[in-house]
Amino acid sequence: MHFSKLVVFLVLSASAHTSLSHKQRRVDRRNKIKLAMRGSDTRCLAGTYSATGNAPCTSCAPGTYSKEYGQTRCIQARAGYYVPTAGQTTETACKAGTYNSNPGMTGCSTCPPGYMCPNDSLSMPQQCSPGRYSKGGEKECPKCPAGYFNNIHKATDCCQCAAGWFNGNAGNTNCQMCSNQYPYSNPGTPAQNQCTAKPGAWAPSKTCQQGTNGDCPASFPRPSAIPRRHLKPKPKCKVNEKACPIFSSLQVVRYACLDVQSNLESCGDCITYAFDGRPSRTGGRDCSAIPFVNEVSCSGGHCDIRSCQPGYIVSLDGSSCVLAFQL
């Protein structure tokens, strides 16, 4: 009886061993086939390409990519996206505050002054609306603060409310005139209750309009508000020079002999006071204060702008720096 059980056990064990050996051999055979197939796969990897899609392969150039095996060409990054280096398998979206307008780019451009780039993957910046401005790189155009305004698109800055005017809200496109009872205020007054009946340093302006070219309204000091006592007499100057007042804020602190044909800060004539490089009533101009100017000189009594800050070019009449492109 015991002998019979032993025989059955040995037979079953031998049968199980044979079955496992066959199964293991099948697994080994499949693995060998897979390895052979893998070794013979010469397709170009993602991020590379060739004319046939097979080796030898070349890395996709910066600005392009491939995302699958066996590619015969690379894909250009779309506008609003970029590929910074060679051999990439995907494109990257420009971040908010940046953009690019062309396919196949390796990077993104900073959102230019006067525009905003509120979203990722933008192909074109969006212009600032009146009451807002941008100095560049903005996700959203900030509002002009109280006391300031603008009424043009693509503004790069805001204008002060002129003397005798005020603006109590951010983002306004105009200013309000102080009342007849309280007609005086300083430039940039942010609230009506700051208009006064007592004359100050500034004469009330009759208008407070911004020019279509972006020029801000002018404010002028009251002549009686400019102290003139204790001034040294005007010096005697050479034939090619003029005795020009030198200001500290609104006060004339002294006079200096200047060659207004070549002096950078009093070019063309003496300046009464300078805010932003605009010509004064006498025709003098502070060339160094022209907005967005980079290289400038005074030649023959005229500001000679040689170059502007990045994103700007010299205007056609040569008198200012303007955006390098118009959308």
C-alpha atoms as a PDB file:
ATOM      1  CA  MET A   1       0.000   0.000   0.000  1.00  0.00           C
ATOM      2  CA  HIS A   2       2.757   2.373   0.888  1.00  0.00           C
ATOM      3  CA  PHE A   3       4.655   1.369  -2.182  1.00  0.00           C
ATOM      4  CA  SER A   4       1.694   2.277  -4.453  1.00  0.00           C
ATOM      5  CA  LYS A   5       1.412   5.766  -2.979  1.00  0.00           C
ATOM      6  CA  LEU A   6       5.124   6.318  -3.496  1.00  0.00           C
ATOM      7  CA  VAL A   7       4.874   5.344  -7.168  1.00  0.00           C
ATOM      8  CA  VAL A   8       1.923   7.688  -7.746  1.00  0.00           C
ATOM      9  CA  PHE A   9       3.768  10.555  -6.021  1.00  0.00           C
ATOM     10  CA  LEU A  10       6.877  10.067  -8.162  1.00  0.00           C
ATOM     11  CA  VAL A  11       4.828   9.972 -11.362  1.00  0.00           C
ATOM     12  CA  LEU A  12       2.948  13.173 -10.463  1.00  0.00           C
ATOM     13  CA  SER A  13       6.139  14.942  -9.441  1.00  0.00           C
ATOM     14  CA  ALA A  14       7.804  14.055 -12.709  1.00  0.00           C
ATOM     15  CA  SER A  15       4.780  15.223 -14.665  1.00  0.00           C
ATOM     16  CA  ALA A  16       4.664  18.587 -12.781  1.00  0.00           C
ATOM     17  CA  HIS A  17       8.363  19.115 -13.341  1.00  0.00           C
ATOM     18  CA  THR A  18       8.003  18.456 -17.052  1.00  0.00           C
ATOM     19  CA  SER A  19       5.033  20.881 -17.271  1.00  0.00           C
ATOM     20  CA  LEU A  20       6.922  23.681 -15.495  1.00  0.00           C
ATOM     21  CA  SER A  21       9.956  23.167 -17.696  1.00  0.00           C
ATOM     22  CA  HIS A  22       7.889  23.543 -20.855  1.00  0.00           C
ATOM     23  CA  LYS A  23       6.206  26.703 -19.484  1.00  0.00           C
ATOM     24  CA  GLN A  24       9.531  28.232 -18.486  1.00  0.00           C
ATOM     25  CA  ARG A  25      10.941  27.476 -21.918  1.00  0.00           C
ATOM     26  CA  ARG A  26       8.021  29.273 -23.569  1.00  0.00           C
ATOM     27  CA  VAL A  27       8.557  32.369 -21.370  1.00  0.00           C
ATOM     28  CA  ASP A  28      12.256  32.383 -22.117  1.00  0.00           C
ATOM     29  CA  ARG A  29      11.547  32.093 -25.845  1.00  0.00           C
ATOM     30  CA  ARG A  30       9.162  35.068 -25.778  1.00  0.00           C
ATOM     31  CA  ASN A  31      11.680  37.201 -23.864  1.00  0.00           C
ATOM     32  CA  LYS A  32      14.397  36.362 -26.381  1.00  0.00           C
ATOM     33  CA  ILE A  33      12.097  37.393 -29.236  1.00  0.00           C
ATOM     34  CA  LYS A  34      11.309  40.694 -27.512  1.00  0.00           C
ATOM     35  CA  LEU A  35      14.968  41.389 -26.926  1.00  0.00           C
ATOM     36  CA  ALA A  36      15.773  40.640 -30.547  1.00  0.00           C
ATOM     37  CA  MET A  37      12.984  42.896 -31.757  1.00  0.00           C
ATOM     38  CA  ARG A  38      14.112  45.696 -29.470  1.00  0.00           C
ATOM     39  CA  GLY A  39      17.670  45.421 -30.672  1.00  0.00           C
ATOM     40  CA  SER A  40      16.577  45.696 -34.283  1.00  0.00           C
ATOM     41  CA  ASP A  41      14.400  48.843 -33.723  1.00  0.00           C
ATOM     42  CA  THR A  42      16.385  51.600 -35.440  1.00  0.00           C
ATOM     43  CA  ARG A  43      13.652  54.221 -35.403  1.00  0.00           C
ATOM     44  CA  CYS A  44      14.650  57.727 -34.344  1.00  0.00           C
ATOM     45  CA  LEU A  45      13.794  58.534 -30.759  1.00  0.00           C
ATOM     46  CA  ALA A  46      11.450  61.365 -29.805  1.00  0.00           C
ATOM     47  CA  GLY A  47      13.373  64.642 -29.989  1.00  0.00           C
ATOM     48  CA  THR A  48      15.279  63.464 -33.075  1.00  0.00           C
ATOM     49  CA  TYR A  49      14.586  62.853 -36.782  1.00  0.00           C
ATOM     50  CA  SER A  50      16.085  61.703 -40.074  1.00  0.00           C
ATOM     51  CA  ALA A  51      15.014  61.609 -43.721  1.00  0.00           C
ATOM     52  CA  THR A  52      13.870  57.993 -43.330  1.00  0.00           C
ATOM     53  CA  GLY A  53      12.842  58.136 -39.676  1.00  0.00           C
ATOM     54  CA  ASN A  54      15.563  55.598 -38.861  1.00  0.00           C
ATOM     55  CA  ALA A  55      19.112  55.838 -37.547  1.00  0.00           C
ATOM     56  CA  PRO A  56      21.359  57.717 -37.919  1.00  0.00           C
ATOM     57  CA  CYS A  57      19.253  60.499 -36.400  1.00  0.00           C
ATOM     58  CA  THR A  58      19.726  64.231 -35.755  1.00  0.00           C
ATOM     59  CA  SER A  59      18.465  66.180 -32.744  1.00  0.00           C
ATOM     60  CA  CYS A  60      15.673  68.608 -33.447  1.00  0.00           C
ATOM     61  CA  ALA A  61      17.023  72.170 -33.553  1.00  0.00           C
ATOM     62  CA  PRO A  62      16.064  74.785 -30.932  1.00  0.00           C
ATOM     63  CA  GLY A  63      12.614  76.142 -31.762  1.00  0.00           C
ATOM     64  CA  THR A  64      11.468  72.692 -32.963  1.00  0.00           C
ATOM     65  CA  TYR A  65      10.630  69.327 -31.406  1.00  0.00           C
ATOM     66  CA  SER A  66       9.372  65.812 -32.138  1.00  0.00           C
ATOM     67  CA  LYS A  67       7.230  63.848 -29.714  1.00  0.00           C
ATOM     68  CA  GLU A  68       7.083  60.387 -31.341  1.00  0.00           C
ATOM     69  CA  TYR A  69       9.469  57.687 -32.599  1.00  0.00           C
ATOM     70  CA  GLY A  70      10.520  57.478 -36.238  1.00  0.00           C
ATOM     71  CA  GLN A  71       9.927  61.087 -37.259  1.00  0.00           C
ATOM     72  CA  THR A  72      11.179  62.385 -40.614  1.00  0.00           C
ATOM     73  CA  ARG A  73      10.943  66.032 -39.600  1.00  0.00           C
ATOM     74  CA  CYS A  74      10.569  68.179 -36.499  1.00  0.00           C
ATOM     75  CA  ILE A  75       7.611  70.380 -35.590  1.00  0.00           C
ATOM     76  CA  GLN A  76       8.017  74.144 -35.181  1.00  0.00           C
ATOM     77  CA  ALA A  77       6.889  75.597 -31.862  1.00  0.00           C
ATOM     78  CA  ARG A  78       3.627  77.477 -32.340  1.00  0.00           C
ATOM     79  CA  ALA A  79       3.281  81.215 -31.836  1.00  0.00           C
ATOM     80  CA  GLY A  80       2.850  81.715 -28.105  1.00  0.00           C
ATOM     81  CA  TYR A  81       5.155  78.766 -27.401  1.00  0.00           C
ATOM     82  CA  TYR A  82       8.898  78.122 -27.574  1.00  0.00           C
ATOM     83  CA  VAL A  83      11.533  75.387 -27.507  1.00  0.00           C
ATOM     84  CA  PRO A  84      14.707  76.643 -25.813  1.00  0.00           C
ATOM     85  CA  THR A  85      17.236  73.912 -26.670  1.00  0.00           C
ATOM     86  CA  ALA A  86      17.879  71.085 -29.143  1.00  0.00           C
ATOM     87  CA  GLY A  87      16.490  67.567 -28.811  1.00  0.00           C
ATOM     88  CA  GLN A  88      13.226  68.487 -27.110  1.00  0.00           C
ATOM     89  CA  THR A  89      10.059  66.381 -27.192  1.00  0.00           C
ATOM     90  CA  THR A  90       7.532  69.123 -26.457  1.00  0.00           C
ATOM     91  CA  GLU A  91       6.992  72.887 -26.699  1.00  0.00           C
ATOM     92  CA  THR A  92       6.629  75.239 -23.710  1.00  0.00           C
ATOM     93  CA  ALA A  93       3.971  77.942 -23.330  1.00  0.00           C
ATOM     94  CA  CYS A  94       5.043  81.566 -22.875  1.00  0.00           C
ATOM     95  CA  LYS A  95       4.166  82.683 -19.375  1.00  0.00           C
ATOM     96  CA  ALA A  96       1.790  85.535 -18.591  1.00  0.00           C
ATOM     97  CA  GLY A  97       3.665  88.818 -18.944  1.00  0.00           C
ATOM     98  CA  THR A  98       5.436  87.511 -22.063  1.00  0.00           C
ATOM     99  CA  TYR A  99       4.466  86.539 -25.624  1.00  0.00           C
ATOM    100  CA  ASN A 100       5.814  85.683 -29.040  1.00  0.00           C
ATOM    101  CA  SER A 101       4.195  86.264 -32.411  1.00  0.00           C
ATOM    102  CA  ASN A 102       6.161  83.858 -34.608  1.00  0.00           C
ATOM    103  CA  PRO A 103       6.476  80.069 -34.815  1.00  0.00           C
ATOM    104  CA  GLY A 104       9.788  78.326 -34.261  1.00  0.00           C
ATOM    105  CA  MET A 105      10.967  80.584 -31.436  1.00  0.00           C
ATOM    106  CA  THR A 106      13.491  79.665 -28.750  1.00  0.00           C
ATOM    107  CA  GLY A 107      12.126  82.090 -26.157  1.00  0.00           C
ATOM    108  CA  CYS A 108       9.437  84.665 -25.434  1.00  0.00           C
ATOM    109  CA  SER A 109       9.495  88.469 -25.516  1.00  0.00           C
ATOM    110  CA  THR A 110       8.605  90.661 -22.563  1.00  0.00           C
ATOM    111  CA  CYS A 111       5.216  92.300 -22.958  1.00  0.00           C
ATOM    112  CA  PRO A 112       6.032  95.773 -24.371  1.00  0.00           C
ATOM    113  CA  PRO A 113       5.213  99.115 -22.727  1.00  0.00           C
ATOM    114  CA  GLY A 114       1.618 100.149 -23.382  1.00  0.00           C
ATOM    115  CA  TYR A 115       0.444  96.540 -23.534  1.00  0.00           C
ATOM    116  CA  MET A 116      -0.441  93.655 -21.235  1.00  0.00           C
ATOM    117  CA  CYS A 117      -0.070  89.878 -21.548  1.00  0.00           C
ATOM    118  CA  PRO A 118      -2.645  88.446 -19.123  1.00  0.00           C
ATOM    119  CA  ASN A 119      -2.516  84.741 -20.073  1.00  0.00           C
ATOM    120  CA  ASP A 120      -0.071  81.973 -20.876  1.00  0.00           C
ATOM    121  CA  SER A 121       0.694  81.082 -24.535  1.00  0.00           C
ATOM    122  CA  LEU A 122      -0.156  84.529 -25.957  1.00  0.00           C
ATOM    123  CA  SER A 123       0.862  85.194 -29.545  1.00  0.00           C
ATOM    124  CA  MET A 124       0.000  88.915 -29.433  1.00  0.00           C
ATOM    125  CA  PRO A 125      -0.026  91.397 -26.505  1.00  0.00           C
ATOM    126  CA  GLN A 126      -3.181  93.339 -25.703  1.00  0.00           C
ATOM    127  CA  GLN A 127      -3.114  97.123 -25.688  1.00  0.00           C
ATOM    128  CA  CYS A 128      -3.885  99.066 -22.517  1.00  0.00           C
ATOM    129  CA  SER A 129      -7.229 100.855 -22.558  1.00  0.00           C
ATOM    130  CA  PRO A 130      -7.635 104.550 -21.618  1.00  0.00           C
ATOM    131  CA  GLY A 131      -7.277 105.103 -17.895  1.00  0.00           C
ATOM    132  CA  ARG A 132      -4.589 102.421 -17.704  1.00  0.00           C
ATOM    133  CA  TYR A 133      -0.909 102.195 -18.632  1.00  0.00           C
ATOM    134  CA  SER A 134       2.023  99.814 -18.734  1.00  0.00           C
ATOM    135  CA  LYS A 135       5.779 100.218 -18.573  1.00  0.00           C
ATOM    136  CA  GLY A 136       6.299  96.696 -19.922  1.00  0.00           C
ATOM    137  CA  GLY A 137       6.179  93.102 -18.671  1.00  0.00           C
ATOM    138  CA  GLU A 138       2.692  93.494 -17.223  1.00  0.00           C
ATOM    139  CA  LYS A 139       0.070  90.760 -16.835  1.00  0.00           C
ATOM    140  CA  GLU A 140      -2.518  93.514 -16.438  1.00  0.00           C
ATOM    141  CA  CYS A 141      -2.335  97.234 -17.196  1.00  0.00           C
ATOM    142  CA  PRO A 142      -2.420  99.132 -13.872  1.00  0.00           C
ATOM    143  CA  LYS A 143      -4.949 101.917 -13.431  1.00  0.00           C
ATOM    144  CA  CYS A 144      -3.766 105.502 -13.365  1.00  0.00           C
ATOM    145  CA  PRO A 145      -3.789 106.544  -9.693  1.00  0.00           C
ATOM    146  CA  ALA A 146      -5.989 109.289  -8.293  1.00  0.00           C
ATOM    147  CA  GLY A 147      -4.674 112.672  -9.379  1.00  0.00           C
ATOM    148  CA  TYR A 148      -3.579 111.229 -12.724  1.00  0.00           C
ATOM    149  CA  PHE A 149      -5.336 110.240 -15.945  1.00  0.00           C
ATOM    150  CA  ASN A 150      -4.930 109.334 -19.591  1.00  0.00           C
ATOM    151  CA  ASN A 151      -7.391 109.088 -22.453  1.00  0.00           C
ATOM    152  CA  ILE A 152      -5.382 107.205 -25.089  1.00  0.00           C
ATOM    153  CA  HIS A 153      -4.824 103.545 -25.890  1.00  0.00           C
ATOM    154  CA  LYS A 154      -1.386 101.943 -25.390  1.00  0.00           C
ATOM    155  CA  ALA A 155      -0.343 104.528 -22.782  1.00  0.00           C
ATOM    156  CA  THR A 156       3.038 103.980 -21.165  1.00  0.00           C
ATOM    157  CA  ASP A 157       2.360 106.409 -18.329  1.00  0.00           C
ATOM    158  CA  CYS A 158      -0.308 108.695 -16.893  1.00  0.00           C
ATOM    159  CA  CYS A 159      -0.615 112.479 -16.943  1.00  0.00           C
ATOM    160  CA  GLN A 160      -0.929 114.605 -13.837  1.00  0.00           C
ATOM    161  CA  CYS A 161      -4.135 116.541 -13.554  1.00  0.00           C
ATOM    162  CA  ALA A 162      -3.206 120.118 -14.433  1.00  0.00           C
ATOM    163  CA  ALA A 163      -3.091 122.815 -11.773  1.00  0.00           C
ATOM    164  CA  GLY A 164      -6.647 123.875 -10.908  1.00  0.00           C
ATOM    165  CA  TRP A 165      -7.982 120.399 -11.634  1.00  0.00           C
ATOM    166  CA  PHE A 166      -8.375 117.177  -9.636  1.00  0.00           C
ATOM    167  CA  ASN A 167      -9.251 113.508 -10.001  1.00  0.00           C
ATOM    168  CA  GLY A 168     -10.419 111.459  -7.040  1.00  0.00           C
ATOM    169  CA  ASN A 169     -10.624 108.003  -8.648  1.00  0.00           C
ATOM    170  CA  ALA A 170      -8.108 105.567 -10.077  1.00  0.00           C
ATOM    171  CA  GLY A 171      -8.479 104.642 -13.729  1.00  0.00           C
ATOM    172  CA  ASN A 172     -10.138 107.884 -14.839  1.00  0.00           C
ATOM    173  CA  THR A 173      -9.787 109.169 -18.380  1.00  0.00           C
ATOM    174  CA  ASN A 174     -10.131 112.860 -17.448  1.00  0.00           C
ATOM    175  CA  CYS A 175      -9.884 115.313 -14.547  1.00  0.00           C
ATOM    176  CA  GLN A 176     -12.451 117.674 -13.074  1.00  0.00           C
ATOM    177  CA  MET A 177     -11.971 121.414 -12.710  1.00  0.00           C
ATOM    178  CA  CYS A 178     -11.856 122.890  -9.229  1.00  0.00           C
ATOM    179  CA  SER A 179     -14.859 125.079  -8.427  1.00  0.00           C
ATOM    180  CA  ASN A 180     -14.926 128.859  -8.883  1.00  0.00           C
ATOM    181  CA  GLN A 181     -15.010 129.200  -5.100  1.00  0.00           C
ATOM    182  CA  TYR A 182     -11.909 127.011  -4.637  1.00  0.00           C
ATOM    183  CA  PRO A 183     -10.030 127.359  -7.934  1.00  0.00           C
ATOM    184  CA  TYR A 184      -6.452 126.559  -6.894  1.00  0.00           C
ATOM    185  CA  SER A 185      -4.748 123.183  -6.734  1.00  0.00           C
ATOM    186  CA  ASN A 186      -1.339 121.694  -7.374  1.00  0.00           C
ATOM    187  CA  PRO A 187      -0.676 119.401 -10.353  1.00  0.00           C
ATOM    188  CA  GLY A 188      -1.739 115.822  -9.570  1.00  0.00           C
ATOM    189  CA  THR A 189      -4.374 116.748  -6.971  1.00  0.00           C
ATOM    190  CA  PRO A 190      -6.142 113.498  -5.927  1.00  0.00           C
ATOM    191  CA  ALA A 191      -9.282 114.883  -4.244  1.00  0.00           C
ATOM    192  CA  GLN A 192     -11.710 117.776  -4.603  1.00  0.00           C
ATOM    193  CA  ASN A 193     -11.229 118.829  -0.981  1.00  0.00           C
ATOM    194  CA  GLN A 194      -7.607 119.708  -1.831  1.00  0.00           C
ATOM    195  CA  CYS A 195      -8.748 122.536  -4.110  1.00  0.00           C
ATOM    196  CA  THR A 196      -8.373 125.810  -2.184  1.00  0.00           C
ATOM    197  CA  ALA A 197      -9.430 129.422  -2.323  1.00  0.00           C
ATOM    198  CA  LYS A 198      -5.939 130.578  -1.397  1.00  0.00           C
ATOM    199  CA  PRO A 199      -3.523 131.055  -4.309  1.00  0.00           C
ATOM    200  CA  GLY A 200      -0.627 128.638  -4.209  1.00  0.00           C
ATOM    201  CA  ALA A 201       2.456 128.115  -6.327  1.00  0.00           C
ATOM    202  CA  TRP A 202       0.527 127.207  -9.468  1.00  0.00           C
ATOM    203  CA  ALA A 203      -1.760 129.186 -11.742  1.00  0.00           C
ATOM    204  CA  PRO A 204      -5.030 127.381 -12.586  1.00  0.00           C
ATOM    205  CA  SER A 205      -4.916 125.894 -16.084  1.00  0.00           C
ATOM    206  CA  LYS A 206      -7.759 126.663 -18.444  1.00  0.00           C
ATOM    207  CA  THR A 207      -7.749 123.165 -19.931  1.00  0.00           C
ATOM    208  CA  CYS A 208      -6.701 119.679 -18.927  1.00  0.00           C
ATOM    209  CA  GLN A 209      -6.618 117.742 -22.178  1.00  0.00           C
ATOM    210  CA  GLN A 210      -4.173 115.080 -23.273  1.00  0.00           C
ATOM    211  CA  GLY A 211      -2.977 115.323 -26.864  1.00  0.00           C
ATOM    212  CA  THR A 212      -3.660 112.525 -29.335  1.00  0.00           C
ATOM    213  CA  ASN A 213       0.110 111.948 -29.405  1.00  0.00           C
ATOM    214  CA  GLY A 214       0.116 111.398 -25.638  1.00  0.00           C
ATOM    215  CA  ASP A 215       1.378 114.858 -24.625  1.00  0.00           C
ATOM    216  CA  CYS A 216       0.214 115.771 -21.141  1.00  0.00           C
ATOM    217  CA  PRO A 217      -1.426 119.106 -20.252  1.00  0.00           C
ATOM    218  CA  ALA A 218       0.941 121.759 -18.987  1.00  0.00           C
ATOM    219  CA  SER A 219       0.867 123.524 -15.642  1.00  0.00           C
ATOM    220  CA  PHE A 220       2.571 126.855 -15.031  1.00  0.00           C
ATOM    221  CA  PRO A 221       3.742 128.412 -11.777  1.00  0.00           C
ATOM    222  CA  ARG A 222       2.315 131.752 -10.779  1.00  0.00           C
ATOM    223  CA  PRO A 223       5.006 134.372 -11.426  1.00  0.00           C
ATOM    224  CA  SER A 224       4.439 135.848  -7.986  1.00  0.00           C
ATOM    225  CA  ALA A 225       5.032 132.405  -6.442  1.00  0.00           C
ATOM    226  CA  ILE A 226       8.616 132.211  -7.682  1.00  0.00           C
ATOM    227  CA  PRO A 227      10.839 133.898  -5.083  1.00  0.00           C
ATOM    228  CA  ARG A 228      13.257 136.353  -6.625  1.00  0.00           C
ATOM    229  CA  ARG A 229      14.737 138.010  -3.553  1.00  0.00           C
ATOM    230  CA  HIS A 230      18.334 137.456  -2.566  1.00  0.00           C
ATOM    231  CA  LEU A 231      19.247 136.405  -6.101  1.00  0.00           C
ATOM    232  CA  LYS A 232      22.651 137.357  -7.356  1.00  0.00           C
ATOM    233  CA  PRO A 233      22.483 139.571 -10.433  1.00  0.00           C
ATOM    234  CA  LYS A 234      22.647 137.878 -13.801  1.00  0.00           C
ATOM    235  CA  PRO A 235      26.253 137.294 -14.805  1.00  0.00           C
ATOM    236  CA  LYS A 236      27.778 138.808 -17.880  1.00  0.00           C
ATOM    237  CA  CYS A 237      28.089 136.027 -20.398  1.00  0.00           C
ATOM    238  CA  LYS A 238      30.100 135.458 -23.540  1.00  0.00           C
ATOM    239  CA  VAL A 239      28.602 136.293 -26.907  1.00  0.00           C
ATOM    240  CA  ASN A 240      27.519 132.685 -27.547  1.00  0.00           C
ATOM    241  CA  GLU A 241      26.032 132.211 -24.060  1.00  0.00           C
ATOM    242  CA  LYS A 242      22.875 133.252 -22.208  1.00  0.00           C
ATOM    243  CA  ALA A 243      22.258 133.879 -18.519  1.00  0.00           C
ATOM    244  CA  CYS A 244      19.751 131.139 -17.734  1.00  0.00           C
ATOM    245  CA  PRO A 245      17.908 130.605 -14.438  1.00  0.00           C
ATOM    246  CA  ILE A 246      18.760 127.478 -12.482  1.00  0.00           C
ATOM    247  CA  PHE A 247      15.748 126.056 -10.638  1.00  0.00           C
ATOM    248  CA  SER A 248      15.321 124.065  -7.486  1.00  0.00           C
ATOM    249  CA  SER A 249      11.720 122.895  -7.631  1.00  0.00           C
ATOM    250  CA  LEU A 250       9.937 126.123  -8.593  1.00  0.00           C
ATOM    251  CA  GLN A 251      12.517 128.455  -7.149  1.00  0.00           C
ATOM    252  CA  VAL A 252      15.234 130.202  -9.120  1.00  0.00           C
ATOM    253  CA  VAL A 253      18.348 129.681  -7.041  1.00  0.00           C
ATOM    254  CA  ARG A 254      20.916 131.257  -9.355  1.00  0.00           C
ATOM    255  CA  TYR A 255      21.816 132.109 -12.926  1.00  0.00           C
ATOM    256  CA  ALA A 256      24.407 130.414 -15.083  1.00  0.00           C
ATOM    257  CA  CYS A 257      25.985 131.230 -18.428  1.00  0.00           C
ATOM    258  CA  LEU A 258      25.012 128.467 -20.851  1.00  0.00           C
ATOM    259  CA  ASP A 259      25.629 127.864 -24.521  1.00  0.00           C
ATOM    260  CA  VAL A 260      22.022 127.062 -25.454  1.00  0.00           C
ATOM    261  CA  GLN A 261      23.164 125.801 -28.850  1.00  0.00           C
ATOM    262  CA  SER A 262      24.876 122.820 -27.242  1.00  0.00           C
ATOM    263  CA  ASN A 263      23.777 122.605 -23.584  1.00  0.00           C
ATOM    264  CA  LEU A 264      21.920 119.317 -23.059  1.00  0.00           C
ATOM    265  CA  GLU A 265      19.586 120.582 -20.339  1.00  0.00           C
ATOM    266  CA  SER A 266      18.894 124.029 -21.824  1.00  0.00           C
ATOM    267  CA  CYS A 267      18.891 123.280 -25.529  1.00  0.00           C
ATOM    268  CA  GLY A 268      17.680 126.054 -27.833  1.00  0.00           C
ATOM    269  CA  ASP A 269      17.042 128.572 -25.050  1.00  0.00           C
ATOM    270  CA  CYS A 270      16.794 128.896 -21.301  1.00  0.00           C
ATOM    271  CA  ILE A 271      14.142 126.660 -19.763  1.00  0.00           C
ATOM    272  CA  THR A 272      11.643 128.023 -17.272  1.00  0.00           C
ATOM    273  CA  TYR A 273      11.203 124.653 -15.585  1.00  0.00           C
ATOM    274  CA  ALA A 274      11.353 121.070 -16.852  1.00  0.00           C
ATOM    275  CA  PHE A 275       8.976 118.190 -16.280  1.00  0.00           C
ATOM    276  CA  ASP A 276       9.267 115.667 -19.077  1.00  0.00           C
ATOM    277  CA  GLY A 277      11.452 117.081 -21.815  1.00  0.00           C
ATOM    278  CA  ARG A 278       8.768 119.211 -23.449  1.00  0.00           C
ATOM    279  CA  PRO A 279       9.840 122.570 -24.884  1.00  0.00           C
ATOM    280  CA  SER A 280       9.238 125.428 -22.466  1.00  0.00           C
ATOM    281  CA  ARG A 281       7.468 128.628 -23.413  1.00  0.00           C
ATOM    282  CA  THR A 282      10.785 130.128 -24.483  1.00  0.00           C
ATOM    283  CA  GLY A 283      11.568 127.178 -26.742  1.00  0.00           C
ATOM    284  CA  GLY A 284      14.257 125.704 -24.514  1.00  0.00           C
ATOM    285  CA  ARG A 285      14.219 121.993 -23.903  1.00  0.00           C
ATOM    286  CA  ASP A 286      15.848 119.572 -21.475  1.00  0.00           C
ATOM    287  CA  CYS A 287      16.973 116.867 -23.906  1.00  0.00           C
ATOM    288  CA  SER A 288      17.955 114.492 -21.105  1.00  0.00           C
ATOM    289  CA  ALA A 289      14.353 114.417 -19.825  1.00  0.00           C
ATOM    290  CA  ILE A 290      12.753 113.242 -23.090  1.00  0.00           C
ATOM    291  CA  PRO A 291      10.789 110.051 -22.251  1.00  0.00           C
ATOM    292  CA  PHE A 292      12.441 106.740 -23.240  1.00  0.00           C
ATOM    293  CA  VAL A 293      15.532 108.437 -24.691  1.00  0.00           C
ATOM    294  CA  ASN A 294      18.831 106.542 -24.520  1.00  0.00           C
ATOM    295  CA  GLU A 295      21.479 108.598 -26.360  1.00  0.00           C
ATOM    296  CA  VAL A 296      20.835 112.283 -27.038  1.00  0.00           C
ATOM    297  CA  SER A 297      22.798 115.470 -27.549  1.00  0.00           C
ATOM    298  CA  CYS A 298      22.073 119.148 -28.189  1.00  0.00           C
ATOM    299  CA  SER A 299      23.237 120.297 -31.599  1.00  0.00           C
ATOM    300  CA  GLY A 300      22.480 123.691 -33.063  1.00  0.00           C
ATOM    301  CA  GLY A 301      19.866 124.361 -30.415  1.00  0.00           C
ATOM    302  CA  HIS A 302      17.938 121.150 -31.192  1.00  0.00           C
ATOM    303  CA  CYS A 303      17.798 117.853 -29.327  1.00  0.00           C
ATOM    304  CA  ASP A 304      19.459 115.205 -31.492  1.00  0.00           C
ATOM    305  CA  ILE A 305      18.100 111.809 -30.411  1.00  0.00           C
ATOM    306  CA  ARG A 306      20.517 109.086 -31.494  1.00  0.00           C
ATOM    307  CA  SER A 307      18.840 106.076 -29.890  1.00  0.00           C
ATOM    308  CA  CYS A 308      15.935 105.140 -27.652  1.00  0.00           C
ATOM    309  CA  GLN A 309      15.438 102.599 -24.910  1.00  0.00           C
ATOM    310  CA  PRO A 310      14.617  98.975 -25.921  1.00  0.00           C
ATOM    311  CA  GLY A 311      11.186  98.736 -27.535  1.00  0.00           C
ATOM    312  CA  TYR A 312      11.289 102.326 -28.842  1.00  0.00           C
ATOM    313  CA  ILE A 313      12.601 104.049 -31.952  1.00  0.00           C
ATOM    314  CA  VAL A 314      13.204 107.675 -32.904  1.00  0.00           C
ATOM    315  CA  SER A 315      10.047 109.298 -34.288  1.00  0.00           C
ATOM    316  CA  LEU A 316       9.906 110.367 -37.922  1.00  0.00           C
ATOM    317  CA  ASP A 317      10.397 114.027 -36.999  1.00  0.00           C
ATOM    318  CA  GLY A 318      13.266 113.085 -34.674  1.00  0.00           C
ATOM    319  CA  SER A 319      11.735 114.872 -31.669  1.00  0.00           C
ATOM    320  CA  SER A 320      10.725 111.931 -29.463  1.00  0.00           C
ATOM    321  CA  CYS A 321      10.922 108.187 -28.862  1.00  0.00           C
ATOM    322  CA  VAL A 322       7.899 106.141 -29.931  1.00  0.00           C
ATOM    323  CA  LEU A 323       6.966 102.452 -29.752  1.00  0.00           C
ATOM    324  CA  ALA A 324       8.925 100.361 -32.219  1.00  0.00           C
ATOM    325  CA  PHE A 325       5.768  98.782 -33.654  1.00  0.00           C
ATOM    326  CA  GLN A 326       2.095  99.529 -33.928  1.00  0.00           C
ATOM    327  CA  LEU A 327      -0.519  96.793 -33.664  1.00  0.00           C
END
